Amino acid sequence: MSTKLKQDISIGENLRNLRKRAGLSQEQVSAQLQVRGLPVSREIISQMEVGKYSIRISVLMALKEIYHASIDEFFKDL
C-alpha cells in the first residue's frame, strides 16, 4: 500500500526573497528557466512563491544557479 505525503512546508517566501536579492522579476526568472529548457511561466513562479505550486527538483537546481544561492538558503528558517 503506497502513501502519498502532503507538502508540509513551503519555501515560497525564501524563493521570493532570493529572487529579489538577485534583482530579478518573475518574468526574467521565467525567461531564464525557459532558456534552460524548463517551461515555467511567470504565473507558476508566482504560485511557487505563495506556496500553491510544488517546485520540481530540476527547477530548484536551476534557480540555485540563477539566484547564485546555496541549497541551504532555499530552506532557511524552516
PDB file of N, CA and C in Angstrom:
ATOM      1  N   MET A   1       0.838  -1.165   0.000  1.00  0.00           N
ATOM      2  CA  MET A   1       0.000   0.000   0.000  1.00  0.00           C
ATOM      3  C   MET A   1       0.894   1.242   0.000  1.00  0.00           C
ATOM      4  N   SER A   2       0.695   2.132  -0.959  1.00  0.00           N
ATOM      5  CA  SER A   2       1.517   3.348  -1.004  1.00  0.00           C
ATOM      6  C   SER A   2       0.792   4.493  -0.309  1.00  0.00           C
ATOM      7  N   THR A   3       1.564   5.346   0.283  1.00  0.00           N
ATOM      8  CA  THR A   3       1.024   6.501   0.986  1.00  0.00           C
ATOM      9  C   THR A   3       1.586   7.754   0.354  1.00  0.00           C
ATOM     10  N   LYS A   4       0.731   8.695   0.039  1.00  0.00           N
ATOM     11  CA  LYS A   4       1.180   9.970  -0.513  1.00  0.00           C
ATOM     12  C   LYS A   4       1.420  10.938   0.629  1.00  0.00           C
ATOM     13  N   LEU A   5       2.520  11.667   0.537  1.00  0.00           N
ATOM     14  CA  LEU A   5       2.833  12.662   1.542  1.00  0.00           C
ATOM     15  C   LEU A   5       2.334  14.019   1.084  1.00  0.00           C
ATOM     16  N   LYS A   6       1.750  14.745   1.973  1.00  0.00           N
ATOM     17  CA  LYS A   6       1.324  16.104   1.660  1.00  0.00           C
ATOM     18  C   LYS A   6       2.509  17.036   1.864  1.00  0.00           C
ATOM     19  N   GLN A   7       2.517  18.102   1.096  1.00  0.00           N
ATOM     20  CA  GLN A   7       3.543  19.118   1.282  1.00  0.00           C
ATOM     21  C   GLN A   7       3.316  19.744   2.649  1.00  0.00           C
ATOM     22  N   ASP A   8       4.328  19.683   3.490  1.00  0.00           N
ATOM     23  CA  ASP A   8       4.130  20.205   4.836  1.00  0.00           C
ATOM     24  C   ASP A   8       4.870  21.507   5.086  1.00  0.00           C
ATOM     25  N   ILE A   9       5.747  21.915   4.175  1.00  0.00           N
ATOM     26  CA  ILE A   9       6.430  23.198   4.322  1.00  0.00           C
ATOM     27  C   ILE A   9       6.438  23.903   2.968  1.00  0.00           C
ATOM     28  N   SER A  10       6.548  25.191   3.022  1.00  0.00           N
ATOM     29  CA  SER A  10       6.630  25.975   1.796  1.00  0.00           C
ATOM     30  C   SER A  10       7.919  26.780   1.824  1.00  0.00           C
ATOM     31  N   ILE A  11       8.640  26.759   0.715  1.00  0.00           N
ATOM     32  CA  ILE A  11       9.846  27.572   0.602  1.00  0.00           C
ATOM     33  C   ILE A  11       9.551  28.851  -0.183  1.00  0.00           C
ATOM     34  N   GLY A  12       8.275  29.131  -0.381  1.00  0.00           N
ATOM     35  CA  GLY A  12       7.855  30.259  -1.199  1.00  0.00           C
ATOM     36  C   GLY A  12       8.442  31.590  -0.801  1.00  0.00           C
ATOM     37  N   GLU A  13       8.417  31.897   0.489  1.00  0.00           N
ATOM     38  CA  GLU A  13       8.950  33.181   0.949  1.00  0.00           C
ATOM     39  C   GLU A  13      10.443  33.281   0.663  1.00  0.00           C
ATOM     40  N   ASN A  14      11.161  32.163   0.872  1.00  0.00           N
ATOM     41  CA  ASN A  14      12.591  32.156   0.559  1.00  0.00           C
ATOM     42  C   ASN A  14      12.826  32.310  -0.936  1.00  0.00           C
ATOM     43  N   LEU A  15      11.993  31.679  -1.759  1.00  0.00           N
ATOM     44  CA  LEU A  15      12.116  31.840  -3.212  1.00  0.00           C
ATOM     45  C   LEU A  15      11.968  33.306  -3.609  1.00  0.00           C
ATOM     46  N   ARG A  16      10.965  33.956  -3.048  1.00  0.00           N
ATOM     47  CA  ARG A  16      10.719  35.372  -3.354  1.00  0.00           C
ATOM     48  C   ARG A  16      11.895  36.240  -2.898  1.00  0.00           C
ATOM     49  N   ASN A  17      12.379  35.991  -1.677  1.00  0.00           N
ATOM     50  CA  ASN A  17      13.498  36.779  -1.151  1.00  0.00           C
ATOM     51  C   ASN A  17      14.759  36.593  -1.983  1.00  0.00           C
ATOM     52  N   LEU A  18      15.041  35.375  -2.396  1.00  0.00           N
ATOM     53  CA  LEU A  18      16.229  35.117  -3.210  1.00  0.00           C
ATOM     54  C   LEU A  18      16.107  35.773  -4.585  1.00  0.00           C
ATOM     55  N   ARG A  19      14.902  35.732  -5.145  1.00  0.00           N
ATOM     56  CA  ARG A  19      14.682  36.379  -6.460  1.00  0.00           C
ATOM     57  C   ARG A  19      14.906  37.883  -6.343  1.00  0.00           C
ATOM     58  N   LYS A  20      14.356  38.467  -5.312  1.00  0.00           N
ATOM     59  CA  LYS A  20      14.515  39.914  -5.123  1.00  0.00           C
ATOM     60  C   LYS A  20      15.969  40.276  -4.848  1.00  0.00           C
ATOM     61  N   ARG A  21      16.654  39.456  -4.062  1.00  0.00           N
ATOM     62  CA  ARG A  21      18.072  39.698  -3.783  1.00  0.00           C
ATOM     63  C   ARG A  21      18.892  39.679  -5.078  1.00  0.00           C
ATOM     64  N   ALA A  22      18.486  38.805  -6.007  1.00  0.00           N
ATOM     65  CA  ALA A  22      19.173  38.716  -7.298  1.00  0.00           C
ATOM     66  C   ALA A  22      18.780  39.865  -8.226  1.00  0.00           C
ATOM     67  N   GLY A  23      17.771  40.648  -7.827  1.00  0.00           N
ATOM     68  CA  GLY A  23      17.341  41.782  -8.641  1.00  0.00           C
ATOM     69  C   GLY A  23      16.586  41.390  -9.887  1.00  0.00           C
ATOM     70  N   LEU A  24      15.849  40.286  -9.799  1.00  0.00           N
ATOM     71  CA  LEU A  24      15.132  39.762 -10.965  1.00  0.00           C
ATOM     72  C   LEU A  24      13.619  39.827 -10.771  1.00  0.00           C
ATOM     73  N   SER A  25      12.913  40.057 -11.864  1.00  0.00           N
ATOM     74  CA  SER A  25      11.455  39.986 -11.846  1.00  0.00           C
ATOM     75  C   SER A  25      11.037  38.533 -12.085  1.00  0.00           C
ATOM     76  N   GLN A  26       9.782  38.246 -11.817  1.00  0.00           N
ATOM     77  CA  GLN A  26       9.272  36.901 -12.103  1.00  0.00           C
ATOM     78  C   GLN A  26       9.384  36.596 -13.594  1.00  0.00           C
ATOM     79  N   GLU A  27       9.158  37.588 -14.437  1.00  0.00           N
ATOM     80  CA  GLU A  27       9.261  37.402 -15.890  1.00  0.00           C
ATOM     81  C   GLU A  27      10.685  37.036 -16.291  1.00  0.00           C
ATOM     82  N   GLN A  28      11.667  37.697 -15.681  1.00  0.00           N
ATOM     83  CA  GLN A  28      13.065  37.417 -16.001  1.00  0.00           C
ATOM     84  C   GLN A  28      13.461  36.008 -15.568  1.00  0.00           C
ATOM     85  N   VAL A  29      12.989  35.596 -14.405  1.00  0.00           N
ATOM     86  CA  VAL A  29      13.278  34.244 -13.924  1.00  0.00           C
ATOM     87  C   VAL A  29      12.643  33.219 -14.855  1.00  0.00           C
ATOM     88  N   SER A  30      11.413  33.464 -15.234  1.00  0.00           N
ATOM     89  CA  SER A  30      10.723  32.565 -16.157  1.00  0.00           C
ATOM     90  C   SER A  30      11.501  32.433 -17.459  1.00  0.00           C
ATOM     91  N   ALA A  31      11.959  33.552 -18.002  1.00  0.00           N
ATOM     92  CA  ALA A  31      12.720  33.533 -19.261  1.00  0.00           C
ATOM     93  C   ALA A  31      14.012  32.739 -19.102  1.00  0.00           C
ATOM     94  N   GLN A  32      14.703  32.920 -17.984  1.00  0.00           N
ATOM     95  CA  GLN A  32      15.957  32.190 -17.773  1.00  0.00           C
ATOM     96  C   GLN A  32      15.716  30.690 -17.614  1.00  0.00           C
ATOM     97  N   LEU A  33      14.621  30.326 -16.964  1.00  0.00           N
ATOM     98  CA  LEU A  33      14.285  28.906 -16.841  1.00  0.00           C
ATOM     99  C   LEU A  33      13.951  28.316 -18.209  1.00  0.00           C
ATOM    100  N   GLN A  34      13.220  29.062 -19.026  1.00  0.00           N
ATOM    101  CA  GLN A  34      12.851  28.572 -20.352  1.00  0.00           C
ATOM    102  C   GLN A  34      14.072  28.388 -21.240  1.00  0.00           C
ATOM    103  N   VAL A  35      15.065  29.274 -21.123  1.00  0.00           N
ATOM    104  CA  VAL A  35      16.315  29.127 -21.873  1.00  0.00           C
ATOM    105  C   VAL A  35      17.010  27.829 -21.479  1.00  0.00           C
ATOM    106  N   ARG A  36      16.832  27.414 -20.230  1.00  0.00           N
ATOM    107  CA  ARG A  36      17.433  26.166 -19.732  1.00  0.00           C
ATOM    108  C   ARG A  36      16.563  24.952 -20.053  1.00  0.00           C
ATOM    109  N   GLY A  37      15.502  25.156 -20.807  1.00  0.00           N
ATOM    110  CA  GLY A  37      14.646  24.040 -21.207  1.00  0.00           C
ATOM    111  C   GLY A  37      13.586  23.662 -20.193  1.00  0.00           C
ATOM    112  N   LEU A  38      13.319  24.548 -19.248  1.00  0.00           N
ATOM    113  CA  LEU A  38      12.306  24.287 -18.224  1.00  0.00           C
ATOM    114  C   LEU A  38      11.119  25.218 -18.466  1.00  0.00           C
ATOM    115  N   PRO A  39      10.011  24.682 -18.952  1.00  0.00           N
ATOM    116  CA  PRO A  39       8.852  25.520 -19.302  1.00  0.00           C
ATOM    117  C   PRO A  39       8.073  25.990 -18.078  1.00  0.00           C
ATOM    118  N   VAL A  40       8.579  27.055 -17.444  1.00  0.00           N
ATOM    119  CA  VAL A  40       7.953  27.592 -16.236  1.00  0.00           C
ATOM    120  C   VAL A  40       7.519  29.026 -16.537  1.00  0.00           C
ATOM    121  N   SER A  41       6.229  29.270 -16.445  1.00  0.00           N
ATOM    122  CA  SER A  41       5.689  30.600 -16.737  1.00  0.00           C
ATOM    123  C   SER A  41       5.834  31.534 -15.532  1.00  0.00           C
ATOM    124  N   ARG A  42       5.615  32.815 -15.757  1.00  0.00           N
ATOM    125  CA  ARG A  42       5.631  33.793 -14.670  1.00  0.00           C
ATOM    126  C   ARG A  42       4.564  33.442 -13.645  1.00  0.00           C
ATOM    127  N   GLU A  43       3.432  32.962 -14.120  1.00  0.00           N
ATOM    128  CA  GLU A  43       2.340  32.594 -13.219  1.00  0.00           C
ATOM    129  C   GLU A  43       2.744  31.448 -12.291  1.00  0.00           C
ATOM    130  N   ILE A  44       3.491  30.495 -12.823  1.00  0.00           N
ATOM    131  CA  ILE A  44       3.954  29.384 -11.991  1.00  0.00           C
ATOM    132  C   ILE A  44       4.967  29.878 -10.968  1.00  0.00           C
ATOM    133  N   ILE A  45       5.855  30.789 -11.376  1.00  0.00           N
ATOM    134  CA  ILE A  45       6.801  31.387 -10.422  1.00  0.00           C
ATOM    135  C   ILE A  45       6.021  32.034  -9.276  1.00  0.00           C
ATOM    136  N   SER A  46       4.988  32.782  -9.616  1.00  0.00           N
ATOM    137  CA  SER A  46       4.154  33.438  -8.610  1.00  0.00           C
ATOM    138  C   SER A  46       3.525  32.414  -7.672  1.00  0.00           C
ATOM    139  N   GLN A  47       2.979  31.338  -8.236  1.00  0.00           N
ATOM    140  CA  GLN A  47       2.343  30.303  -7.422  1.00  0.00           C
ATOM    141  C   GLN A  47       3.356  29.601  -6.519  1.00  0.00           C
ATOM    142  N   MET A  48       4.582  29.385  -7.008  1.00  0.00           N
ATOM    143  CA  MET A  48       5.618  28.779  -6.170  1.00  0.00           C
ATOM    144  C   MET A  48       5.944  29.688  -4.997  1.00  0.00           C
ATOM    145  N   GLU A  49       5.981  31.000  -5.246  1.00  0.00           N
ATOM    146  CA  GLU A  49       6.350  31.949  -4.201  1.00  0.00           C
ATOM    147  C   GLU A  49       5.278  32.093  -3.116  1.00  0.00           C
ATOM    148  N   VAL A  50       4.049  31.737  -3.414  1.00  0.00           N
ATOM    149  CA  VAL A  50       2.997  31.783  -2.388  1.00  0.00           C
ATOM    150  C   VAL A  50       2.657  30.387  -1.855  1.00  0.00           C
ATOM    151  N   GLY A  51       3.423  29.385  -2.285  1.00  0.00           N
ATOM    152  CA  GLY A  51       3.249  28.034  -1.766  1.00  0.00           C
ATOM    153  C   GLY A  51       2.095  27.255  -2.349  1.00  0.00           C
ATOM    154  N   LYS A  52       1.600  27.661  -3.519  1.00  0.00           N
ATOM    155  CA  LYS A  52       0.465  26.965  -4.139  1.00  0.00           C
ATOM    156  C   LYS A  52       0.884  26.038  -5.271  1.00  0.00           C
ATOM    157  N   TYR A  53       2.186  25.932  -5.523  1.00  0.00           N
ATOM    158  CA  TYR A  53       2.681  25.100  -6.614  1.00  0.00           C
ATOM    159  C   TYR A  53       3.942  24.410  -6.142  1.00  0.00           C
ATOM    160  N   SER A  54       3.972  23.105  -6.211  1.00  0.00           N
ATOM    161  CA  SER A  54       5.146  22.349  -5.777  1.00  0.00           C
ATOM    162  C   SER A  54       6.270  22.495  -6.794  1.00  0.00           C
ATOM    163  N   ILE A  55       7.431  22.802  -6.306  1.00  0.00           N
ATOM    164  CA  ILE A  55       8.581  23.022  -7.169  1.00  0.00           C
ATOM    165  C   ILE A  55       9.279  21.703  -7.472  1.00  0.00           C
ATOM    166  N   ARG A  56       9.636  21.511  -8.729  1.00  0.00           N
ATOM    167  CA  ARG A  56      10.375  20.311  -9.142  1.00  0.00           C
ATOM    168  C   ARG A  56      11.850  20.494  -8.799  1.00  0.00           C
ATOM    169  N   ILE A  57      12.536  19.403  -8.546  1.00  0.00           N
ATOM    170  CA  ILE A  57      13.961  19.446  -8.215  1.00  0.00           C
ATOM    171  C   ILE A  57      14.761  20.080  -9.351  1.00  0.00           C
ATOM    172  N   SER A  58      14.422  19.777 -10.594  1.00  0.00           N
ATOM    173  CA  SER A  58      15.147  20.362 -11.727  1.00  0.00           C
ATOM    174  C   SER A  58      15.013  21.881 -11.741  1.00  0.00           C
ATOM    175  N   VAL A  59      13.853  22.389 -11.374  1.00  0.00           N
ATOM    176  CA  VAL A  59      13.637  23.839 -11.308  1.00  0.00           C
ATOM    177  C   VAL A  59      14.416  24.415 -10.131  1.00  0.00           C
ATOM    178  N   LEU A  60      14.392  23.745  -8.995  1.00  0.00           N
ATOM    179  CA  LEU A  60      15.124  24.215  -7.829  1.00  0.00           C
ATOM    180  C   LEU A  60      16.623  24.318  -8.138  1.00  0.00           C
ATOM    181  N   MET A  61      17.169  23.331  -8.821  1.00  0.00           N
ATOM    182  CA  MET A  61      18.589  23.356  -9.164  1.00  0.00           C
ATOM    183  C   MET A  61      18.905  24.502 -10.126  1.00  0.00           C
ATOM    184  N   ALA A  62      18.005  24.762 -11.066  1.00  0.00           N
ATOM    185  CA  ALA A  62      18.210  25.883 -11.991  1.00  0.00           C
ATOM    186  C   ALA A  62      18.113  27.215 -11.242  1.00  0.00           C
ATOM    187  N   LEU A  63      17.167  27.330 -10.324  1.00  0.00           N
ATOM    188  CA  LEU A  63      17.038  28.561  -9.543  1.00  0.00           C
ATOM    189  C   LEU A  63      18.270  28.797  -8.675  1.00  0.00           C
ATOM    190  N   LYS A  64      18.873  27.726  -8.199  1.00  0.00           N
ATOM    191  CA  LYS A  64      20.103  27.834  -7.430  1.00  0.00           C
ATOM    192  C   LYS A  64      21.161  28.567  -8.246  1.00  0.00           C
ATOM    193  N   GLU A  65      21.280  28.214  -9.513  1.00  0.00           N
ATOM    194  CA  GLU A  65      22.244  28.868 -10.406  1.00  0.00           C
ATOM    195  C   GLU A  65      21.820  30.303 -10.714  1.00  0.00           C
ATOM    196  N   ILE A  66      20.556  30.493 -11.043  1.00  0.00           N
ATOM    197  CA  ILE A  66      20.054  31.822 -11.422  1.00  0.00           C
ATOM    198  C   ILE A  66      20.199  32.808 -10.275  1.00  0.00           C
ATOM    199  N   TYR A  67      19.896  32.370  -9.062  1.00  0.00           N
ATOM    200  CA  TYR A  67      19.933  33.247  -7.893  1.00  0.00           C
ATOM    201  C   TYR A  67      21.308  33.300  -7.229  1.00  0.00           C
ATOM    202  N   HIS A  68      22.251  32.485  -7.713  1.00  0.00           N
ATOM    203  CA  HIS A  68      23.581  32.403  -7.095  1.00  0.00           C
ATOM    204  C   HIS A  68      23.433  32.126  -5.597  1.00  0.00           C
ATOM    205  N   ALA A  69      22.643  31.097  -5.303  1.00  0.00           N
ATOM    206  CA  ALA A  69      22.304  30.761  -3.917  1.00  0.00           C
ATOM    207  C   ALA A  69      22.717  29.329  -3.611  1.00  0.00           C
ATOM    208  N   SER A  70      22.853  29.044  -2.334  1.00  0.00           N
ATOM    209  CA  SER A  70      23.089  27.670  -1.912  1.00  0.00           C
ATOM    210  C   SER A  70      21.741  26.991  -1.668  1.00  0.00           C
ATOM    211  N   ILE A  71      21.749  25.687  -1.697  1.00  0.00           N
ATOM    212  CA  ILE A  71      20.518  24.946  -1.414  1.00  0.00           C
ATOM    213  C   ILE A  71      20.013  25.283  -0.012  1.00  0.00           C
ATOM    214  N   ASP A  72      20.926  25.457   0.930  1.00  0.00           N
ATOM    215  CA  ASP A  72      20.530  25.783   2.300  1.00  0.00           C
ATOM    216  C   ASP A  72      19.704  27.079   2.365  1.00  0.00           C
ATOM    217  N   GLU A  73      19.998  28.035   1.487  1.00  0.00           N
ATOM    218  CA  GLU A  73      19.266  29.297   1.508  1.00  0.00           C
ATOM    219  C   GLU A  73      17.797  29.118   1.144  1.00  0.00           C
ATOM    220  N   PHE A  74      17.486  28.115   0.342  1.00  0.00           N
ATOM    221  CA  PHE A  74      16.088  27.851  -0.015  1.00  0.00           C
ATOM    222  C   PHE A  74      15.286  27.355   1.184  1.00  0.00           C
ATOM    223  N   PHE A  75      15.980  26.710   2.132  1.00  0.00           N
ATOM    224  CA  PHE A  75      15.313  26.108   3.278  1.00  0.00           C
ATOM    225  C   PHE A  75      15.603  26.845   4.582  1.00  0.00           C
ATOM    226  N   LYS A  76      16.137  28.053   4.490  1.00  0.00           N
ATOM    227  CA  LYS A  76      16.487  28.845   5.661  1.00  0.00           C
ATOM    228  C   LYS A  76      15.258  29.114   6.531  1.00  0.00           C
ATOM    229  N   ASP A  77      15.440  28.962   7.824  1.00  0.00           N
ATOM    230  CA  ASP A  77      14.407  29.257   8.828  1.00  0.00           C
ATOM    231  C   ASP A  77      13.160  28.392   8.724  1.00  0.00           C
ATOM    232  N   LEU A  78      13.264  27.214   8.185  1.00  0.00           N
ATOM    233  CA  LEU A  78      12.088  26.326   8.086  1.00  0.00           C
ATOM    234  C   LEU A  78      12.140  25.266   9.163  1.00  0.00           C
TER     235      LEU A  78
END
